[in-house]
C-alpha atoms as a PDB file:
ATOM      1  CA  MET A   1     174.913 -51.162 235.589  1.00  0.00           C
ATOM      2  CA  GLN A   2     172.240 -52.891 233.550  1.00  0.00           C
ATOM      3  CA  HIS A   3     171.869 -56.664 233.412  1.00  0.00           C
ATOM      4  CA  ASN A   4     174.067 -57.295 236.450  1.00  0.00           C
ATOM      5  CA  GLY A   5     171.273 -59.295 238.031  1.00  0.00           C
ATOM      6  CA  PHE A   6     171.315 -61.691 235.105  1.00  0.00           C
ATOM      7  CA  ARG A   7     175.074 -61.898 235.127  1.00  0.00           C
ATOM      8  CA  ARG A   8     175.160 -62.785 238.817  1.00  0.00           C
ATOM      9  CA  ALA A   9     172.366 -65.317 238.533  1.00  0.00           C
ATOM     10  CA  LEU A  10     173.497 -67.188 235.441  1.00  0.00           C
ATOM     11  CA  GLY A  11     176.156 -69.797 236.023  1.00  0.00           C
ATOM     12  CA  ALA A  12     178.882 -70.914 233.672  1.00  0.00           C
ATOM     13  CA  GLY A  13     177.016 -74.150 233.000  1.00  0.00           C
ATOM     14  CA  LEU A  14     174.006 -72.309 231.611  1.00  0.00           C
ATOM     15  CA  LEU A  15     176.254 -70.095 229.509  1.00  0.00           C
ATOM     16  CA  VAL A  16     177.976 -73.165 228.107  1.00  0.00           C
ATOM     17  CA  GLY A  17     174.596 -74.593 227.142  1.00  0.00           C
ATOM     18  CA  SER A  18     173.609 -71.347 225.487  1.00  0.00           C
ATOM     19  CA  LEU A  19     176.551 -71.596 223.110  1.00  0.00           C
ATOM     20  CA  LEU A  20     175.213 -74.869 221.765  1.00  0.00           C
ATOM     21  CA  TRP A  21     172.176 -73.099 220.339  1.00  0.00           C
ATOM     22  CA  GLY A  22     172.277 -72.051 216.712  1.00  0.00           C
ATOM     23  CA  GLY A  23     170.349 -69.219 215.207  1.00  0.00           C
ATOM     24  CA  GLN A  24     170.170 -66.556 212.565  1.00  0.00           C
ATOM     25  CA  ALA A  25     172.752 -63.924 213.294  1.00  0.00           C
ATOM     26  CA  GLY A  26     172.216 -60.208 212.906  1.00  0.00           C
ATOM     27  CA  ALA A  27     174.650 -57.685 211.437  1.00  0.00           C
ATOM     28  CA  TRP A  28     177.053 -59.295 208.970  1.00  0.00           C
ATOM     29  CA  GLY A  29     175.476 -62.704 209.594  1.00  0.00           C
ATOM     30  CA  GLN A  30     177.356 -65.435 211.415  1.00  0.00           C
ATOM     31  CA  LEU A  31     180.113 -65.383 208.794  1.00  0.00           C
ATOM     32  CA  GLY A  32     180.815 -61.674 209.122  1.00  0.00           C
ATOM     33  CA  HIS A  33     180.761 -61.692 212.910  1.00  0.00           C
ATOM     34  CA  ALA A  34     183.130 -64.662 212.973  1.00  0.00           C
ATOM     35  CA  VAL A  35     185.548 -62.938 210.592  1.00  0.00           C
ATOM     36  CA  VAL A  36     185.493 -59.763 212.716  1.00  0.00           C
ATOM     37  CA  ALA A  37     186.366 -61.880 215.751  1.00  0.00           C
ATOM     38  CA  ASP A  38     189.137 -63.759 213.938  1.00  0.00           C
ATOM     39  CA  LEU A  39     190.701 -60.527 212.694  1.00  0.00           C
ATOM     40  CA  ALA A  40     190.610 -59.112 216.219  1.00  0.00           C
ATOM     41  CA  GLU A  41     192.056 -62.211 217.852  1.00  0.00           C
ATOM     42  CA  ALA A  42     195.087 -62.090 215.569  1.00  0.00           C
ATOM     43  CA  GLU A  43     195.813 -58.536 216.779  1.00  0.00           C
ATOM     44  CA  LEU A  44     195.541 -59.130 220.533  1.00  0.00           C
ATOM     45  CA  THR A  45     198.496 -58.433 222.784  1.00  0.00           C
ATOM     46  CA  PRO A  46     199.790 -61.377 224.838  1.00  0.00           C
ATOM     47  CA  ALA A  47     198.177 -59.983 227.992  1.00  0.00           C
ATOM     48  CA  ALA A  48     194.807 -59.435 226.333  1.00  0.00           C
ATOM     49  CA  LYS A  49     194.945 -62.834 224.648  1.00  0.00           C
ATOM     50  CA  ALA A  50     195.689 -64.558 227.952  1.00  0.00           C
ATOM     51  CA  GLU A  51     192.693 -62.950 229.645  1.00  0.00           C
ATOM     52  CA  ALA A  52     190.432 -63.622 226.665  1.00  0.00           C
ATOM     53  CA  ASP A  53     191.513 -67.266 226.701  1.00  0.00           C
ATOM     54  CA  ARG A  54     190.812 -67.489 230.430  1.00  0.00           C
ATOM     55  CA  LEU A  55     187.300 -66.110 230.022  1.00  0.00           C
ATOM     56  CA  LEU A  56     186.533 -68.220 226.966  1.00  0.00           C
ATOM     57  CA  ALA A  57     187.600 -71.339 228.847  1.00  0.00           C
ATOM     58  CA  LEU A  58     184.795 -70.654 231.329  1.00  0.00           C
ATOM     59  CA  VAL A  59     182.332 -71.378 228.524  1.00  0.00           C
ATOM     60  CA  ARG A  60     184.472 -74.140 227.029  1.00  0.00           C
ATOM     61  CA  GLN A  61     185.517 -72.167 223.979  1.00  0.00           C
ATOM     62  CA  GLN A  62     188.928 -71.364 222.538  1.00  0.00           C
ATOM     63  CA  HIS A  63     188.295 -68.572 220.051  1.00  0.00           C
ATOM     64  CA  LEU A  64     186.372 -65.303 219.984  1.00  0.00           C
ATOM     65  CA  SER A  65     184.647 -66.365 216.779  1.00  0.00           C
ATOM     66  CA  ALA A  66     182.890 -69.165 218.669  1.00  0.00           C
ATOM     67  CA  VAL A  67     180.984 -66.606 220.755  1.00  0.00           C
ATOM     68  CA  ALA A  68     180.660 -63.866 218.125  1.00  0.00           C
ATOM     69  CA  SER A  69     176.958 -64.517 217.410  1.00  0.00           C
ATOM     70  CA  TRP A  70     175.902 -65.412 220.950  1.00  0.00           C
ATOM     71  CA  ALA A  71     174.222 -62.033 221.483  1.00  0.00           C
ATOM     72  CA  ASP A  72     171.924 -62.709 218.507  1.00  0.00           C
ATOM     73  CA  ASN A  73     171.299 -66.341 219.333  1.00  0.00           C
ATOM     74  CA  LEU A  74     169.811 -65.344 222.686  1.00  0.00           C
ATOM     75  CA  ARG A  75     166.505 -64.884 220.896  1.00  0.00           C
ATOM     76  CA  ASN A  76     166.272 -68.651 220.376  1.00  0.00           C
ATOM     77  CA  MET A  77     167.206 -69.683 223.914  1.00  0.00           C
ATOM     78  CA  PRO A  78     164.275 -70.366 226.271  1.00  0.00           C
ATOM     79  CA  ASP A  79     166.368 -69.688 229.381  1.00  0.00           C
ATOM     80  CA  PHE A  80     167.574 -66.344 228.056  1.00  0.00           C
ATOM     81  CA  GLN A  81     164.379 -64.694 226.819  1.00  0.00           C
ATOM     82  CA  ALA A  82     164.402 -62.047 229.535  1.00  0.00           C
ATOM     83  CA  LEU A  83     167.988 -61.129 228.706  1.00  0.00           C
ATOM     84  CA  TRP A  84     167.160 -61.033 224.987  1.00  0.00           C
ATOM     85  CA  GLU A  85     164.254 -58.666 225.608  1.00  0.00           C
ATOM     86  CA  GLN A  86     166.508 -56.423 227.688  1.00  0.00           C
ATOM     87  CA  THR A  87     169.297 -56.318 225.111  1.00  0.00           C
ATOM     88  CA  ARG A  88     167.610 -56.583 221.711  1.00  0.00           C
ATOM     89  CA  ALA A  89     167.579 -52.801 221.206  1.00  0.00           C
ATOM     90  CA  GLN A  90     171.296 -52.650 221.963  1.00  0.00           C
ATOM     91  CA  HIS A  91     172.232 -54.065 218.553  1.00  0.00           C
ATOM     92  CA  TYR A  92     171.506 -50.815 216.700  1.00  0.00           C
ATOM     93  CA  ILE A  93     170.838 -47.109 216.937  1.00  0.00           C
ATOM     94  CA  ASN A  94     168.241 -45.058 215.074  1.00  0.00           C
ATOM     95  CA  TYR A  95     169.296 -41.506 214.332  1.00  0.00           C
ATOM     96  CA  LYS A  96     166.361 -39.142 214.353  1.00  0.00           C
ATOM     97  CA  THR A  97     167.851 -36.564 211.981  1.00  0.00           C
ATOM     98  CA  ASP A  98     170.441 -36.278 209.227  1.00  0.00           C
ATOM     99  CA  ASP A  99     173.012 -35.359 211.882  1.00  0.00           C
ATOM    100  CA  CYS A 100     175.373 -38.311 212.407  1.00  0.00           C
ATOM    101  CA  ALA A 101     177.124 -36.733 215.392  1.00  0.00           C
ATOM    102  CA  TYR A 102     175.990 -38.961 218.269  1.00  0.00           C
ATOM    103  CA  GLN A 103     174.320 -37.164 221.150  1.00  0.00           C
ATOM    104  CA  ALA A 104     173.399 -39.505 223.986  1.00  0.00           C
ATOM    105  CA  ALA A 105     170.511 -37.383 225.249  1.00  0.00           C
ATOM    106  CA  ARG A 106     168.983 -37.182 221.774  1.00  0.00           C
ATOM    107  CA  ASP A 107     169.901 -40.493 220.167  1.00  0.00           C
ATOM    108  CA  CYS A 108     170.078 -42.889 223.127  1.00  0.00           C
ATOM    109  CA  PRO A 109     168.223 -41.331 226.073  1.00  0.00           C
ATOM    110  CA  ASP A 110     167.452 -44.663 227.748  1.00  0.00           C
ATOM    111  CA  GLY A 111     170.893 -46.176 227.170  1.00  0.00           C
ATOM    112  CA  GLN A 112     169.373 -48.856 224.948  1.00  0.00           C
ATOM    113  CA  CYS A 113     171.518 -48.540 221.836  1.00  0.00           C
ATOM    114  CA  VAL A 114     174.670 -50.089 220.461  1.00  0.00           C
ATOM    115  CA  VAL A 115     176.911 -47.148 221.392  1.00  0.00           C
ATOM    116  CA  ALA A 116     175.968 -47.225 225.065  1.00  0.00           C
ATOM    117  CA  ALA A 117     176.011 -51.036 225.139  1.00  0.00           C
ATOM    118  CA  ILE A 118     179.633 -51.167 223.976  1.00  0.00           C
ATOM    119  CA  GLU A 119     180.628 -48.523 226.505  1.00  0.00           C
ATOM    120  CA  ARG A 120     178.964 -50.377 229.397  1.00  0.00           C
ATOM    121  CA  ASN A 121     180.375 -53.781 228.557  1.00  0.00           C
ATOM    122  CA  ALA A 122     183.853 -52.400 227.890  1.00  0.00           C
ATOM    123  CA  ALA A 123     183.768 -50.817 231.348  1.00  0.00           C
ATOM    124  CA  LEU A 124     182.923 -54.206 232.845  1.00  0.00           C
ATOM    125  CA  LEU A 125     185.857 -55.836 231.066  1.00  0.00           C
ATOM    126  CA  ALA A 126     188.196 -53.189 232.482  1.00  0.00           C
ATOM    127  CA  ASP A 127     186.862 -53.532 236.035  1.00  0.00           C
ATOM    128  CA  PRO A 128     189.042 -55.866 238.143  1.00  0.00           C
ATOM    129  CA  LYS A 129     186.218 -56.088 240.685  1.00  0.00           C
ATOM    130  CA  ALA A 130     183.713 -57.528 238.202  1.00  0.00           C
ATOM    131  CA  ASN A 131     183.205 -61.260 238.603  1.00  0.00           C
ATOM    132  CA  ASP A 132     184.018 -63.784 235.906  1.00  0.00           C
ATOM    133  CA  ASN A 133     180.400 -64.390 234.984  1.00  0.00           C
ATOM    134  CA  GLN A 134     179.901 -60.681 234.392  1.00  0.00           C
ATOM    135  CA  LYS A 135     183.076 -60.499 232.359  1.00  0.00           C
ATOM    136  CA  VAL A 136     182.495 -63.462 230.091  1.00  0.00           C
ATOM    137  CA  MET A 137     179.063 -62.116 229.181  1.00  0.00           C
ATOM    138  CA  ALA A 138     180.515 -58.643 228.641  1.00  0.00           C
ATOM    139  CA  LEU A 139     183.157 -60.145 226.362  1.00  0.00           C
ATOM    140  CA  MET A 140     180.563 -61.946 224.262  1.00  0.00           C
ATOM    141  CA  PHE A 141     178.444 -58.814 223.985  1.00  0.00           C
ATOM    142  CA  VAL A 142     181.397 -56.595 223.042  1.00  0.00           C
ATOM    143  CA  VAL A 143     182.640 -58.993 220.363  1.00  0.00           C
ATOM    144  CA  HIS A 144     179.200 -58.926 218.768  1.00  0.00           C
ATOM    145  CA  PHE A 145     178.259 -55.284 219.240  1.00  0.00           C
ATOM    146  CA  VAL A 146     181.501 -53.947 217.736  1.00  0.00           C
ATOM    147  CA  GLY A 147     180.565 -55.884 214.617  1.00  0.00           C
ATOM    148  CA  ASP A 148     177.033 -54.507 214.717  1.00  0.00           C
ATOM    149  CA  ILE A 149     178.103 -50.894 215.014  1.00  0.00           C
ATOM    150  CA  HIS A 150     180.235 -51.148 211.872  1.00  0.00           C
ATOM    151  CA  GLN A 151     177.311 -52.429 209.781  1.00  0.00           C
ATOM    152  CA  PRO A 152     175.864 -49.226 208.318  1.00  0.00           C
ATOM    153  CA  LEU A 153     172.198 -50.210 208.542  1.00  0.00           C
ATOM    154  CA  HIS A 154     172.510 -50.807 212.273  1.00  0.00           C
ATOM    155  CA  ASN A 155     173.003 -47.027 212.480  1.00  0.00           C
ATOM    156  CA  SER A 156     170.090 -45.957 210.364  1.00  0.00           C
ATOM    157  CA  TYR A 157     166.518 -44.718 210.146  1.00  0.00           C
ATOM    158  CA  ARG A 158     163.709 -45.658 212.493  1.00  0.00           C
ATOM    159  CA  LEU A 159     161.149 -45.080 209.734  1.00  0.00           C
ATOM    160  CA  ASP A 160     162.036 -48.180 207.734  1.00  0.00           C
ATOM    161  CA  LYS A 161     163.600 -50.136 210.634  1.00  0.00           C
ATOM    162  CA  GLY A 162     167.124 -49.835 209.332  1.00  0.00           C
ATOM    163  CA  GLY A 163     166.237 -51.101 205.874  1.00  0.00           C
ATOM    164  CA  ASN A 164     164.175 -54.047 207.135  1.00  0.00           C
ATOM    165  CA  ASP A 165     161.082 -52.501 205.545  1.00  0.00           C
ATOM    166  CA  PHE A 166     162.873 -51.639 202.293  1.00  0.00           C
ATOM    167  CA  PRO A 167     162.275 -54.567 199.899  1.00  0.00           C
ATOM    168  CA  VAL A 168     164.731 -55.294 197.120  1.00  0.00           C
ATOM    169  CA  VAL A 169     165.325 -58.033 194.568  1.00  0.00           C
ATOM    170  CA  VAL A 170     168.763 -59.595 194.147  1.00  0.00           C
ATOM    171  CA  GLY A 171     169.346 -62.328 191.607  1.00  0.00           C
ATOM    172  CA  GLY A 172     165.601 -62.757 191.161  1.00  0.00           C
ATOM    173  CA  ARG A 173     165.027 -63.363 194.876  1.00  0.00           C
ATOM    174  CA  ASP A 174     163.267 -61.156 197.394  1.00  0.00           C
ATOM    175  CA  TYR A 175     165.278 -59.602 200.201  1.00  0.00           C
ATOM    176  CA  ASN A 176     165.149 -56.475 202.274  1.00  0.00           C
ATOM    177  CA  LEU A 177     167.989 -53.972 202.168  1.00  0.00           C
ATOM    178  CA  HIS A 178     169.037 -54.752 205.732  1.00  0.00           C
ATOM    179  CA  GLY A 179     169.375 -58.434 204.880  1.00  0.00           C
ATOM    180  CA  VAL A 180     171.500 -57.601 201.859  1.00  0.00           C
ATOM    181  CA  TRP A 181     173.960 -55.798 204.096  1.00  0.00           C
ATOM    182  CA  ASP A 182     173.750 -58.339 206.908  1.00  0.00           C
ATOM    183  CA  SER A 183     174.515 -61.378 204.810  1.00  0.00           C
ATOM    184  CA  TYR A 184     174.192 -61.201 201.027  1.00  0.00           C
ATOM    185  CA  LEU A 185     177.105 -58.886 200.269  1.00  0.00           C
ATOM    186  CA  LEU A 186     179.692 -60.982 202.099  1.00  0.00           C
ATOM    187  CA  ALA A 187     178.130 -64.295 201.073  1.00  0.00           C
ATOM    188  CA  SER A 188     178.453 -63.279 197.426  1.00  0.00           C
ATOM    189  CA  ARG A 189     182.199 -63.956 197.693  1.00  0.00           C
ATOM    190  CA  ARG A 190     181.398 -67.621 198.359  1.00  0.00           C
ATOM    191  CA  LEU A 191     184.231 -67.958 200.861  1.00  0.00           C
ATOM    192  CA  ASP A 192     184.162 -69.829 204.148  1.00  0.00           C
ATOM    193  CA  GLN A 193     185.258 -68.272 207.433  1.00  0.00           C
ATOM    194  CA  ALA A 194     188.933 -69.228 207.192  1.00  0.00           C
ATOM    195  CA  ALA A 195     189.262 -68.135 203.572  1.00  0.00           C
ATOM    196  CA  TYR A 196     187.468 -64.839 204.189  1.00  0.00           C
ATOM    197  CA  THR A 197     189.599 -64.086 207.238  1.00  0.00           C
ATOM    198  CA  ALA A 198     192.725 -64.785 205.209  1.00  0.00           C
ATOM    199  CA  ARG A 199     191.501 -62.528 202.396  1.00  0.00           C
ATOM    200  CA  LEU A 200     190.741 -59.593 204.684  1.00  0.00           C
ATOM    201  CA  SER A 201     193.970 -60.073 206.652  1.00  0.00           C
ATOM    202  CA  GLU A 202     196.094 -59.367 203.587  1.00  0.00           C
ATOM    203  CA  ASP A 203     195.644 -55.609 203.457  1.00  0.00           C
ATOM    204  CA  LEU A 204     194.330 -54.425 206.798  1.00  0.00           C
ATOM    205  CA  PRO A 205     193.522 -50.719 207.040  1.00  0.00           C
ATOM    206  CA  LYS A 206     194.760 -48.550 209.880  1.00  0.00           C
ATOM    207  CA  PRO A 207     191.611 -46.731 210.948  1.00  0.00           C
ATOM    208  CA  GLU A 208     191.617 -44.098 213.635  1.00  0.00           C
ATOM    209  CA  ALA A 209     190.916 -45.747 216.966  1.00  0.00           C
ATOM    210  CA  GLY A 210     187.963 -43.498 217.651  1.00  0.00           C
ATOM    211  CA  THR A 211     185.147 -44.309 220.050  1.00  0.00           C
ATOM    212  CA  PRO A 212     181.890 -46.238 219.768  1.00  0.00           C
ATOM    213  CA  ALA A 213     180.193 -42.909 219.060  1.00  0.00           C
ATOM    214  CA  SER A 214     182.541 -42.079 216.178  1.00  0.00           C
ATOM    215  CA  TRP A 215     182.281 -45.625 214.762  1.00  0.00           C
ATOM    216  CA  SER A 216     178.525 -45.233 214.715  1.00  0.00           C
ATOM    217  CA  GLY A 217     178.858 -41.827 213.095  1.00  0.00           C
ATOM    218  CA  GLU A 218     180.890 -43.372 210.282  1.00  0.00           C
ATOM    219  CA  SER A 219     178.215 -45.994 209.666  1.00  0.00           C
ATOM    220  CA  CYS A 220     175.482 -43.367 209.806  1.00  0.00           C
ATOM    221  CA  ALA A 221     177.299 -41.311 207.161  1.00  0.00           C
ATOM    222  CA  ILE A 222     177.532 -44.351 204.874  1.00  0.00           C
ATOM    223  CA  VAL A 223     173.768 -44.804 205.098  1.00  0.00           C
ATOM    224  CA  ARG A 224     173.356 -41.222 203.897  1.00  0.00           C
ATOM    225  CA  ASP A 225     175.191 -42.078 200.661  1.00  0.00           C
ATOM    226  CA  ASP A 226     172.832 -41.266 197.805  1.00  0.00           C
ATOM    227  CA  ASP A 227     173.267 -44.726 196.311  1.00  0.00           C
ATOM    228  CA  LEU A 228     173.015 -46.971 199.373  1.00  0.00           C
ATOM    229  CA  TYR A 229     169.227 -46.836 199.175  1.00  0.00           C
ATOM    230  CA  PRO A 230     168.689 -47.794 195.527  1.00  0.00           C
ATOM    231  CA  LYS A 231     166.271 -45.880 193.383  1.00  0.00           C
ATOM    232  CA  ALA A 232     164.279 -47.154 190.449  1.00  0.00           C
ATOM    233  CA  GLY A 233     161.944 -45.651 187.900  1.00  0.00           C
ATOM    234  CA  GLY A 234     163.197 -42.134 188.565  1.00  0.00           C
ATOM    235  CA  ARG A 235     162.178 -42.304 192.233  1.00  0.00           C
ATOM    236  CA  LYS A 236     164.279 -40.193 194.548  1.00  0.00           C
ATOM    237  CA  ALA A 237     166.491 -41.922 197.087  1.00  0.00           C
ATOM    238  CA  PHE A 238     165.166 -42.275 200.625  1.00  0.00           C
ATOM    239  CA  LYS A 239     166.074 -39.294 202.767  1.00  0.00           C
ATOM    240  CA  PRO A 240     165.460 -38.542 206.437  1.00  0.00           C
ATOM    241  CA  ASP A 241     163.433 -35.444 205.585  1.00  0.00           C
ATOM    242  CA  ALA A 242     160.810 -37.931 204.398  1.00  0.00           C
ATOM    243  CA  PHE A 243     159.911 -38.344 208.075  1.00  0.00           C
ATOM    244  CA  LYS A 244     157.474 -35.461 207.753  1.00  0.00           C
ATOM    245  CA  GLN A 245     156.193 -36.246 204.294  1.00  0.00           C
ATOM    246  CA  SER A 246     153.254 -38.608 204.334  1.00  0.00           C
ATOM    247  CA  LYS A 247     153.797 -39.725 200.762  1.00  0.00           C
ATOM    248  CA  SER A 248     157.399 -40.663 201.443  1.00  0.00           C
ATOM    249  CA  GLU A 249     156.420 -42.309 204.709  1.00  0.00           C
ATOM    250  CA  GLU A 250     153.949 -44.496 202.855  1.00  0.00           C
ATOM    251  CA  TRP A 251     156.653 -45.442 200.359  1.00  0.00           C
ATOM    252  CA  ALA A 252     159.210 -46.215 203.080  1.00  0.00           C
ATOM    253  CA  ARG A 253     156.706 -48.478 204.849  1.00  0.00           C
ATOM    254  CA  ARG A 254     155.858 -50.422 201.722  1.00  0.00           C
ATOM    255  CA  GLY A 255     157.734 -53.496 202.919  1.00  0.00           C
ATOM    256  CA  THR A 256     154.902 -54.308 205.341  1.00  0.00           C
ATOM    257  CA  GLN A 257     152.012 -53.607 203.019  1.00  0.00           C
ATOM    258  CA  GLY A 258     150.097 -55.559 200.407  1.00  0.00           C
ATOM    259  CA  GLY A 259     151.738 -58.447 198.610  1.00  0.00           C
ATOM    260  CA  GLU A 260     155.156 -57.490 199.952  1.00  0.00           C
ATOM    261  CA  GLU A 261     154.024 -58.470 203.426  1.00  0.00           C
ATOM    262  CA  ASP A 262     154.059 -62.037 202.137  1.00  0.00           C
ATOM    263  CA  GLY A 263     157.454 -61.614 200.496  1.00  0.00           C
ATOM    264  CA  GLU A 264     156.019 -61.243 197.005  1.00  0.00           C
ATOM    265  CA  ALA A 265     157.815 -59.140 194.422  1.00  0.00           C
ATOM    266  CA  SER A 266     156.100 -55.949 193.373  1.00  0.00           C
ATOM    267  CA  GLY A 267     156.634 -53.028 191.069  1.00  0.00           C
ATOM    268  CA  ASN A 268     157.824 -50.980 194.046  1.00  0.00           C
ATOM    269  CA  GLN A 269     160.799 -53.206 194.752  1.00  0.00           C
ATOM    270  CA  ASP A 270     164.245 -52.168 193.608  1.00  0.00           C
ATOM    271  CA  THR A 271     166.528 -54.603 191.820  1.00  0.00           C
ATOM    272  CA  LEU A 272     170.128 -54.530 192.977  1.00  0.00           C
ATOM    273  CA  ASP A 273     172.459 -55.198 190.074  1.00  0.00           C
ATOM    274  CA  ARG A 274     176.163 -55.871 189.787  1.00  0.00           C
ATOM    275  CA  ARG A 275     176.934 -52.178 189.925  1.00  0.00           C
ATOM    276  CA  TYR A 276     175.498 -52.021 193.432  1.00  0.00           C
ATOM    277  CA  LEU A 277     177.496 -55.049 194.566  1.00  0.00           C
ATOM    278  CA  LYS A 278     180.654 -53.726 192.895  1.00  0.00           C
ATOM    279  CA  LYS A 279     180.370 -50.455 194.782  1.00  0.00           C
ATOM    280  CA  PHE A 280     179.281 -51.658 198.202  1.00  0.00           C
ATOM    281  CA  LEU A 281     180.904 -55.079 198.666  1.00  0.00           C
ATOM    282  CA  PRO A 282     184.395 -53.548 199.063  1.00  0.00           C
ATOM    283  CA  LEU A 283     182.932 -51.019 201.496  1.00  0.00           C
ATOM    284  CA  ALA A 284     181.243 -53.771 203.521  1.00  0.00           C
ATOM    285  CA  GLU A 285     184.513 -55.687 203.652  1.00  0.00           C
ATOM    286  CA  ARG A 286     186.387 -52.607 204.806  1.00  0.00           C
ATOM    287  CA  ARG A 287     183.872 -52.125 207.614  1.00  0.00           C
ATOM    288  CA  VAL A 288     184.449 -55.735 208.693  1.00  0.00           C
ATOM    289  CA  GLN A 289     188.199 -55.077 208.707  1.00  0.00           C
ATOM    290  CA  GLU A 290     187.771 -51.877 210.705  1.00  0.00           C
ATOM    291  CA  ALA A 291     185.530 -53.681 213.169  1.00  0.00           C
ATOM    292  CA  GLY A 292     188.180 -56.352 213.690  1.00  0.00           C
ATOM    293  CA  ILE A 293     190.986 -53.841 214.225  1.00  0.00           C
ATOM    294  CA  ARG A 294     188.953 -51.713 216.612  1.00  0.00           C
ATOM    295  CA  LEU A 295     187.678 -54.718 218.539  1.00  0.00           C
ATOM    296  CA  ALA A 296     191.301 -55.730 219.086  1.00  0.00           C
ATOM    297  CA  GLN A 297     192.185 -52.218 220.232  1.00  0.00           C
ATOM    298  CA  LEU A 298     189.274 -52.192 222.665  1.00  0.00           C
ATOM    299  CA  LEU A 299     190.146 -55.611 224.091  1.00  0.00           C
ATOM    300  CA  ASN A 300     193.842 -54.732 224.318  1.00  0.00           C
ATOM    301  CA  ALA A 301     192.893 -51.717 226.418  1.00  0.00           C
ATOM    302  CA  THR A 302     190.285 -53.334 228.664  1.00  0.00           C
ATOM    303  CA  LEU A 303     191.152 -56.992 229.239  1.00  0.00           C
ATOM    304  CA  PRO A 304     194.591 -56.475 230.836  1.00  0.00           C
ATOM    305  CA  ALA A 305     193.217 -53.661 233.006  1.00  0.00           C
ATOM    306  CA  GLY A 306     190.477 -55.914 234.315  1.00  0.00           C
ATOM    307  CA  THR A 307     192.587 -59.026 234.858  1.00  0.00           C
ATOM    308  CA  PRO A 308     192.179 -60.239 238.462  1.00  0.00           C
ATOM    309  CA  LYS A 309     195.207 -59.525 240.618  1.00  0.00           C
ATOM    310  CA  LYS A 310     197.004 -62.603 241.888  1.00  0.00           C
END
């Protein structure tokens, strides 16, 4: 089991200190991750809620949302740099082809991807022999990674780093496509955490429970939507078959070249208009809802099973 050495060595006091660090969150931003956690917490069974509360108390927290961005904030914590380096690739998965059916040997051969990370940490939560330090870290990772796996561009193309190298303009400001999906879409509602949670709680979907692999496959399929990667000036949408086409590769890498390397707008950037937001904001919100429901289902299945016997 990876990272067990860190989990045994790190005490609750250090974990408590780590939660005091702020930082820029990844998928969905801090707002989205917090809303996912709030939606999940409202759906926990009494047994799962009791165990979650017990583990959260070890790091002096009362709600899942308080730890929802911990896995991202590791990057800013001096005492956790080794753990960040070991887990940074576990926030996403890069599919090598247009096939969204996850194959571990092909898509995650070293176990360093979001699908495998959820599976490992869920197993720890369900293991009554795992110690509390292992479990509280597994809980914080699971809460975050289930959010990550439902963000489409965390299940994307290696060529443009999941949209990080795909520059766009929104409202006259420079972004990359990944950042639009991480933060801009949800932030455009201009709602705080409580208001957004209330909004998304009103009409919760009932998604198939599925598995981490199938959740990732759903996100991967969304990325393949012809309109998710915007096109301008008659340019064709980005497709994975561009991997072998040098011209398309040069285009896909444009976010790290020339003036765009300094964040300057260029003629190659795409402008996202209201039509883009109108189409994809509801989809982003549905993925947040599905993440919350499935996180609750996962915790309801694992936390009671792993509760220490009295």
